Amino acid sequence: QVQLVESGGGLVQAGGSLRLSCAASGRTISSYAMGWFRQAPGQEREFVAAISWSGGSTNYADSVKVRFTISRDNAKNTVYLQMNSLKPDDTAVYYCNAAGRYYSSSYYASGYWGQGTQVTVSS
């Protein structure tokens, strides 16, 4: 079983940047596709970005394309989400997901979730 711990969230002004990390333990994630999701208050959890097991392919929600970049370091068993040009609408708890089903234009989450990290973007 894999455990996931997100970090890197915080309070940032609109237009700023944050880098989220998702550190995995218990099992190597090198053969797993990975994803990031977010959930704003009163809303359903939504897909943000995903990366194939090799890192050779990524896909993004339309709302974050160009601004966000997902990457991974399999040697460190860690996945990252670089978020630039942040907007107040990006405010949410961000969750990491492991071992989901990855397709070139979609990602279906598995049951492996982290506890989330809060991102707050002020206007």
N, C-alpha and C. Protein backbone atom coordinates (compact mmCIF):
# COMPACT_ATOMS: atom_id res chain seq x y z
N GLN A 1 0.84 -1.18 0.00
CA GLN A 1 0.00 0.00 0.00
C GLN A 1 0.89 1.24 0.00
N VAL A 2 0.42 2.27 -0.67
CA VAL A 2 1.21 3.48 -0.78
C VAL A 2 0.58 4.58 0.06
N GLN A 3 1.43 5.32 0.78
CA GLN A 3 0.98 6.49 1.54
C GLN A 3 1.50 7.75 0.84
N LEU A 4 0.65 8.77 0.82
CA LEU A 4 0.98 10.01 0.12
C LEU A 4 0.89 11.19 1.08
N VAL A 5 1.88 12.06 1.03
CA VAL A 5 1.87 13.26 1.86
C VAL A 5 2.14 14.47 0.99
N GLU A 6 1.16 15.37 0.91
CA GLU A 6 1.32 16.61 0.15
C GLU A 6 1.90 17.71 1.03
N SER A 7 2.62 18.60 0.41
CA SER A 7 3.17 19.76 1.11
C SER A 7 3.37 20.89 0.10
N GLY A 8 3.64 22.08 0.63
CA GLY A 8 3.94 23.21 -0.23
C GLY A 8 2.83 24.21 -0.40
N GLY A 9 1.67 23.92 0.17
CA GLY A 9 0.58 24.87 0.07
C GLY A 9 0.82 26.09 0.93
N GLY A 10 -0.06 27.06 0.80
CA GLY A 10 0.06 28.28 1.59
C GLY A 10 -0.78 29.39 1.03
N LEU A 11 -0.51 30.59 1.53
CA LEU A 11 -1.22 31.79 1.10
C LEU A 11 -0.33 32.57 0.14
N VAL A 12 -0.89 32.93 -1.01
CA VAL A 12 -0.12 33.66 -2.01
C VAL A 12 -1.03 34.69 -2.68
N GLN A 13 -0.46 35.77 -3.13
CA GLN A 13 -1.24 36.77 -3.85
C GLN A 13 -1.48 36.34 -5.28
N ALA A 14 -2.55 36.85 -5.85
CA ALA A 14 -2.84 36.57 -7.25
C ALA A 14 -1.63 36.94 -8.12
N GLY A 15 -1.34 36.06 -9.07
CA GLY A 15 -0.17 36.23 -9.92
C GLY A 15 1.08 35.55 -9.41
N GLY A 16 1.03 35.08 -8.18
CA GLY A 16 2.18 34.42 -7.58
C GLY A 16 2.28 32.96 -7.97
N SER A 17 3.26 32.29 -7.35
CA SER A 17 3.55 30.89 -7.66
C SER A 17 3.70 30.07 -6.39
N LEU A 18 3.40 28.80 -6.53
CA LEU A 18 3.65 27.81 -5.48
C LEU A 18 4.07 26.51 -6.13
N ARG A 19 4.82 25.73 -5.41
CA ARG A 19 5.19 24.39 -5.88
C ARG A 19 4.75 23.39 -4.84
N LEU A 20 3.83 22.53 -5.23
CA LEU A 20 3.36 21.47 -4.35
C LEU A 20 4.20 20.21 -4.56
N SER A 21 4.38 19.47 -3.48
CA SER A 21 5.07 18.19 -3.55
C SER A 21 4.16 17.10 -3.01
N CYS A 22 4.32 15.92 -3.54
CA CYS A 22 3.60 14.74 -3.06
C CYS A 22 4.64 13.64 -2.87
N ALA A 23 4.96 13.38 -1.62
CA ALA A 23 5.96 12.36 -1.29
C ALA A 23 5.26 11.04 -0.98
N ALA A 24 5.70 10.00 -1.65
CA ALA A 24 5.11 8.68 -1.46
C ALA A 24 6.01 7.81 -0.60
N SER A 25 5.39 6.92 0.15
CA SER A 25 6.13 5.95 0.94
C SER A 25 5.35 4.64 0.96
N GLY A 26 6.03 3.58 1.38
CA GLY A 26 5.40 2.28 1.45
C GLY A 26 5.54 1.45 0.20
N ARG A 27 5.70 2.13 -0.92
CA ARG A 27 5.86 1.44 -2.20
C ARG A 27 6.40 2.44 -3.21
N THR A 28 7.21 1.96 -4.11
CA THR A 28 7.69 2.86 -5.16
C THR A 28 6.56 3.22 -6.12
N ILE A 29 6.55 4.48 -6.54
CA ILE A 29 5.51 4.93 -7.47
C ILE A 29 6.02 4.96 -8.90
N SER A 30 7.20 4.43 -9.13
CA SER A 30 7.81 4.55 -10.46
C SER A 30 7.00 3.89 -11.56
N SER A 31 6.13 2.95 -11.22
CA SER A 31 5.31 2.29 -12.24
C SER A 31 3.87 2.81 -12.24
N TYR A 32 3.62 3.85 -11.47
CA TYR A 32 2.27 4.36 -11.34
C TYR A 32 2.09 5.69 -12.07
N ALA A 33 0.97 5.84 -12.73
CA ALA A 33 0.55 7.17 -13.12
C ALA A 33 0.11 7.90 -11.85
N MET A 34 0.28 9.22 -11.88
CA MET A 34 -0.04 10.04 -10.70
C MET A 34 -0.89 11.23 -11.12
N GLY A 35 -1.70 11.70 -10.19
CA GLY A 35 -2.55 12.84 -10.51
C GLY A 35 -2.68 13.81 -9.36
N TRP A 36 -3.06 15.02 -9.71
CA TRP A 36 -3.42 16.05 -8.73
C TRP A 36 -4.88 16.43 -8.94
N PHE A 37 -5.57 16.60 -7.82
CA PHE A 37 -6.96 17.05 -7.83
C PHE A 37 -7.09 18.19 -6.84
N ARG A 38 -8.20 18.91 -6.88
CA ARG A 38 -8.44 19.97 -5.92
C ARG A 38 -9.92 20.03 -5.57
N GLN A 39 -10.17 20.55 -4.39
CA GLN A 39 -11.55 20.68 -3.94
C GLN A 39 -11.71 22.02 -3.22
N ALA A 40 -12.55 22.86 -3.77
CA ALA A 40 -12.87 24.14 -3.16
C ALA A 40 -14.07 23.97 -2.23
N PRO A 41 -14.25 24.85 -1.27
CA PRO A 41 -15.37 24.73 -0.33
C PRO A 41 -16.71 24.66 -1.05
N GLY A 42 -17.50 23.67 -0.68
CA GLY A 42 -18.82 23.52 -1.27
C GLY A 42 -18.86 22.95 -2.66
N GLN A 43 -17.70 22.55 -3.17
CA GLN A 43 -17.64 22.02 -4.53
C GLN A 43 -17.10 20.59 -4.52
N GLU A 44 -17.32 19.90 -5.63
CA GLU A 44 -16.80 18.55 -5.76
C GLU A 44 -15.31 18.58 -6.08
N ARG A 45 -14.65 17.50 -5.75
CA ARG A 45 -13.24 17.38 -6.10
C ARG A 45 -13.11 17.32 -7.62
N GLU A 46 -12.16 18.05 -8.15
CA GLU A 46 -11.98 18.09 -9.60
C GLU A 46 -10.55 17.79 -10.00
N PHE A 47 -10.42 17.25 -11.19
CA PHE A 47 -9.12 16.92 -11.75
C PHE A 47 -8.34 18.18 -12.08
N VAL A 48 -7.02 18.12 -11.82
CA VAL A 48 -6.14 19.25 -12.15
C VAL A 48 -5.10 18.83 -13.18
N ALA A 49 -4.35 17.77 -12.88
CA ALA A 49 -3.26 17.36 -13.78
C ALA A 49 -2.90 15.92 -13.50
N ALA A 50 -2.28 15.27 -14.49
CA ALA A 50 -1.83 13.90 -14.32
C ALA A 50 -0.57 13.67 -15.15
N ILE A 51 0.18 12.65 -14.75
CA ILE A 51 1.43 12.33 -15.43
C ILE A 51 1.55 10.82 -15.54
N SER A 52 2.05 10.36 -16.67
CA SER A 52 2.23 8.93 -16.87
C SER A 52 3.34 8.40 -15.99
N TRP A 53 3.46 7.09 -15.92
CA TRP A 53 4.45 6.49 -15.02
C TRP A 53 5.87 6.90 -15.37
N SER A 54 6.13 7.09 -16.65
CA SER A 54 7.48 7.45 -17.08
C SER A 54 7.74 8.95 -17.03
N GLY A 55 6.67 9.72 -16.92
CA GLY A 55 6.81 11.18 -17.02
C GLY A 55 6.80 11.68 -18.45
N GLY A 56 6.66 10.79 -19.39
CA GLY A 56 6.72 11.19 -20.79
C GLY A 56 5.45 11.80 -21.33
N SER A 57 4.38 11.68 -20.58
CA SER A 57 3.09 12.22 -21.03
C SER A 57 2.39 12.87 -19.84
N THR A 58 1.74 14.00 -20.12
CA THR A 58 0.98 14.70 -19.10
C THR A 58 -0.34 15.18 -19.68
N ASN A 59 -1.29 15.42 -18.81
CA ASN A 59 -2.51 16.09 -19.25
C ASN A 59 -3.05 16.97 -18.13
N TYR A 60 -3.80 17.99 -18.53
CA TYR A 60 -4.23 19.03 -17.62
C TYR A 60 -5.69 19.40 -17.83
N ALA A 61 -6.30 19.88 -16.76
CA ALA A 61 -7.62 20.51 -16.90
C ALA A 61 -7.45 21.80 -17.70
N ASP A 62 -8.45 22.13 -18.48
CA ASP A 62 -8.36 23.34 -19.30
C ASP A 62 -8.09 24.59 -18.46
N SER A 63 -8.62 24.60 -17.25
CA SER A 63 -8.51 25.79 -16.41
C SER A 63 -7.09 26.07 -15.92
N VAL A 64 -6.21 25.08 -16.01
CA VAL A 64 -4.84 25.26 -15.50
C VAL A 64 -3.77 25.10 -16.57
N LYS A 65 -4.19 24.74 -17.78
CA LYS A 65 -3.22 24.56 -18.86
C LYS A 65 -2.36 25.81 -19.01
N VAL A 66 -1.13 25.64 -19.30
CA VAL A 66 -0.12 26.69 -19.48
C VAL A 66 0.37 27.22 -18.15
N ARG A 67 -0.50 27.33 -17.15
CA ARG A 67 -0.11 27.91 -15.86
C ARG A 67 0.51 26.88 -14.91
N PHE A 68 0.03 25.63 -14.97
CA PHE A 68 0.50 24.60 -14.05
C PHE A 68 1.35 23.58 -14.81
N THR A 69 2.32 23.00 -14.10
CA THR A 69 3.15 21.94 -14.68
C THR A 69 3.32 20.81 -13.68
N ILE A 70 2.97 19.61 -14.09
CA ILE A 70 3.18 18.43 -13.26
C ILE A 70 4.46 17.75 -13.68
N SER A 71 5.20 17.25 -12.69
CA SER A 71 6.44 16.54 -12.98
C SER A 71 6.66 15.50 -11.90
N ARG A 72 7.65 14.65 -12.12
CA ARG A 72 7.92 13.61 -11.14
C ARG A 72 9.40 13.32 -11.09
N ASP A 73 9.82 12.84 -9.93
CA ASP A 73 11.19 12.38 -9.72
C ASP A 73 11.06 10.99 -9.11
N ASN A 74 11.14 9.98 -9.95
CA ASN A 74 10.94 8.62 -9.45
C ASN A 74 12.03 8.19 -8.47
N ALA A 75 13.20 8.75 -8.61
CA ALA A 75 14.28 8.42 -7.67
C ALA A 75 13.95 8.91 -6.26
N LYS A 76 13.18 9.99 -6.18
CA LYS A 76 12.77 10.54 -4.88
C LYS A 76 11.37 10.11 -4.49
N ASN A 77 10.73 9.32 -5.37
CA ASN A 77 9.37 8.86 -5.08
C ASN A 77 8.42 10.03 -4.83
N THR A 78 8.57 11.06 -5.65
CA THR A 78 7.85 12.32 -5.41
C THR A 78 7.30 12.86 -6.72
N VAL A 79 6.13 13.47 -6.61
CA VAL A 79 5.49 14.15 -7.73
C VAL A 79 5.30 15.61 -7.34
N TYR A 80 5.41 16.49 -8.32
CA TYR A 80 5.33 17.92 -8.07
C TYR A 80 4.22 18.56 -8.91
N LEU A 81 3.76 19.70 -8.42
CA LEU A 81 2.84 20.53 -9.21
C LEU A 81 3.33 21.97 -9.08
N GLN A 82 3.91 22.48 -10.15
CA GLN A 82 4.34 23.87 -10.19
C GLN A 82 3.16 24.71 -10.65
N MET A 83 2.78 25.67 -9.84
CA MET A 83 1.61 26.50 -10.14
C MET A 83 2.05 27.95 -10.29
N ASN A 84 1.88 28.49 -11.46
CA ASN A 84 2.25 29.88 -11.76
C ASN A 84 1.00 30.68 -12.09
N SER A 85 1.15 31.99 -12.05
CA SER A 85 0.05 32.90 -12.39
C SER A 85 -1.23 32.51 -11.66
N LEU A 86 -1.10 32.30 -10.38
CA LEU A 86 -2.24 31.83 -9.60
C LEU A 86 -3.36 32.87 -9.55
N LYS A 87 -4.58 32.34 -9.51
CA LYS A 87 -5.78 33.17 -9.46
C LYS A 87 -6.59 32.82 -8.21
N PRO A 88 -7.43 33.74 -7.76
CA PRO A 88 -8.29 33.40 -6.60
C PRO A 88 -9.11 32.13 -6.82
N ASP A 89 -9.51 31.86 -8.05
CA ASP A 89 -10.28 30.65 -8.35
C ASP A 89 -9.49 29.38 -8.14
N ASP A 90 -8.18 29.49 -8.00
CA ASP A 90 -7.35 28.31 -7.73
C ASP A 90 -7.37 27.93 -6.25
N THR A 91 -7.99 28.73 -5.41
CA THR A 91 -8.07 28.44 -3.99
C THR A 91 -8.81 27.14 -3.75
N ALA A 92 -8.15 26.21 -3.05
CA ALA A 92 -8.73 24.89 -2.81
C ALA A 92 -7.76 24.07 -1.97
N VAL A 93 -8.23 22.92 -1.52
CA VAL A 93 -7.34 21.91 -0.97
C VAL A 93 -6.89 21.04 -2.14
N TYR A 94 -5.60 20.86 -2.27
CA TYR A 94 -5.03 20.09 -3.37
C TYR A 94 -4.62 18.70 -2.87
N TYR A 95 -5.05 17.69 -3.62
CA TYR A 95 -4.82 16.30 -3.25
C TYR A 95 -4.00 15.58 -4.32
N CYS A 96 -3.15 14.71 -3.85
CA CYS A 96 -2.37 13.85 -4.73
C CYS A 96 -3.05 12.48 -4.81
N ASN A 97 -2.96 11.85 -5.97
CA ASN A 97 -3.55 10.53 -6.18
C ASN A 97 -2.54 9.64 -6.88
N ALA A 98 -2.46 8.40 -6.46
CA ALA A 98 -1.50 7.46 -7.03
C ALA A 98 -2.20 6.29 -7.70
N ALA A 99 -1.56 5.81 -8.77
CA ALA A 99 -1.97 4.56 -9.41
C ALA A 99 -3.34 4.62 -10.06
N GLY A 100 -3.68 5.79 -10.54
CA GLY A 100 -4.93 5.90 -11.29
C GLY A 100 -4.75 5.40 -12.71
N ARG A 101 -5.82 5.41 -13.47
CA ARG A 101 -5.77 5.00 -14.88
C ARG A 101 -5.51 6.24 -15.74
N TYR A 102 -4.40 6.19 -16.44
CA TYR A 102 -3.96 7.36 -17.22
C TYR A 102 -4.25 7.14 -18.69
N TYR A 103 -4.84 8.15 -19.30
CA TYR A 103 -5.03 8.18 -20.75
C TYR A 103 -4.51 9.53 -21.24
N SER A 104 -4.33 9.65 -22.50
CA SER A 104 -3.70 10.87 -23.03
C SER A 104 -4.50 12.13 -22.72
N SER A 105 -5.82 11.98 -22.56
CA SER A 105 -6.63 13.16 -22.31
C SER A 105 -7.46 13.05 -21.04
N SER A 106 -7.16 12.07 -20.21
CA SER A 106 -7.94 11.92 -18.98
C SER A 106 -7.17 11.09 -17.96
N TYR A 107 -7.66 11.13 -16.74
CA TYR A 107 -7.06 10.36 -15.65
C TYR A 107 -8.17 9.99 -14.69
N TYR A 108 -8.27 8.70 -14.36
CA TYR A 108 -9.29 8.22 -13.44
C TYR A 108 -8.63 7.83 -12.13
N ALA A 109 -9.03 8.51 -11.07
CA ALA A 109 -8.36 8.36 -9.79
C ALA A 109 -8.55 6.97 -9.19
N SER A 110 -7.55 6.57 -8.44
CA SER A 110 -7.62 5.34 -7.65
C SER A 110 -8.06 5.70 -6.24
N GLY A 111 -7.98 4.72 -5.36
CA GLY A 111 -8.35 4.97 -3.97
C GLY A 111 -7.23 5.48 -3.11
N TYR A 112 -6.05 5.71 -3.70
CA TYR A 112 -4.90 6.18 -2.92
C TYR A 112 -4.85 7.70 -2.96
N TRP A 113 -5.14 8.32 -1.81
CA TRP A 113 -5.15 9.77 -1.70
C TRP A 113 -4.27 10.22 -0.54
N GLY A 114 -3.71 11.41 -0.69
CA GLY A 114 -3.06 12.05 0.43
C GLY A 114 -4.09 12.82 1.25
N GLN A 115 -3.58 13.52 2.28
CA GLN A 115 -4.48 14.25 3.18
C GLN A 115 -4.80 15.65 2.65
N GLY A 116 -4.06 16.10 1.66
CA GLY A 116 -4.32 17.39 1.05
C GLY A 116 -3.49 18.51 1.63
N THR A 117 -3.30 19.55 0.84
CA THR A 117 -2.61 20.76 1.28
C THR A 117 -3.41 21.97 0.79
N GLN A 118 -3.58 22.94 1.68
CA GLN A 118 -4.42 24.09 1.37
C GLN A 118 -3.66 25.12 0.56
N VAL A 119 -4.27 25.58 -0.51
CA VAL A 119 -3.74 26.69 -1.31
C VAL A 119 -4.78 27.80 -1.28
N THR A 120 -4.35 28.97 -0.86
CA THR A 120 -5.23 30.13 -0.80
C THR A 120 -4.61 31.26 -1.61
N VAL A 121 -5.36 31.77 -2.57
CA VAL A 121 -4.87 32.84 -3.43
C VAL A 121 -5.71 34.08 -3.16
N SER A 122 -5.05 35.12 -2.70
CA SER A 122 -5.76 36.37 -2.39
C SER A 122 -5.74 37.31 -3.59
N SER A 123 -6.79 38.09 -3.70
CA SER A 123 -6.90 39.02 -4.84
C SER A 123 -6.27 40.36 -4.54
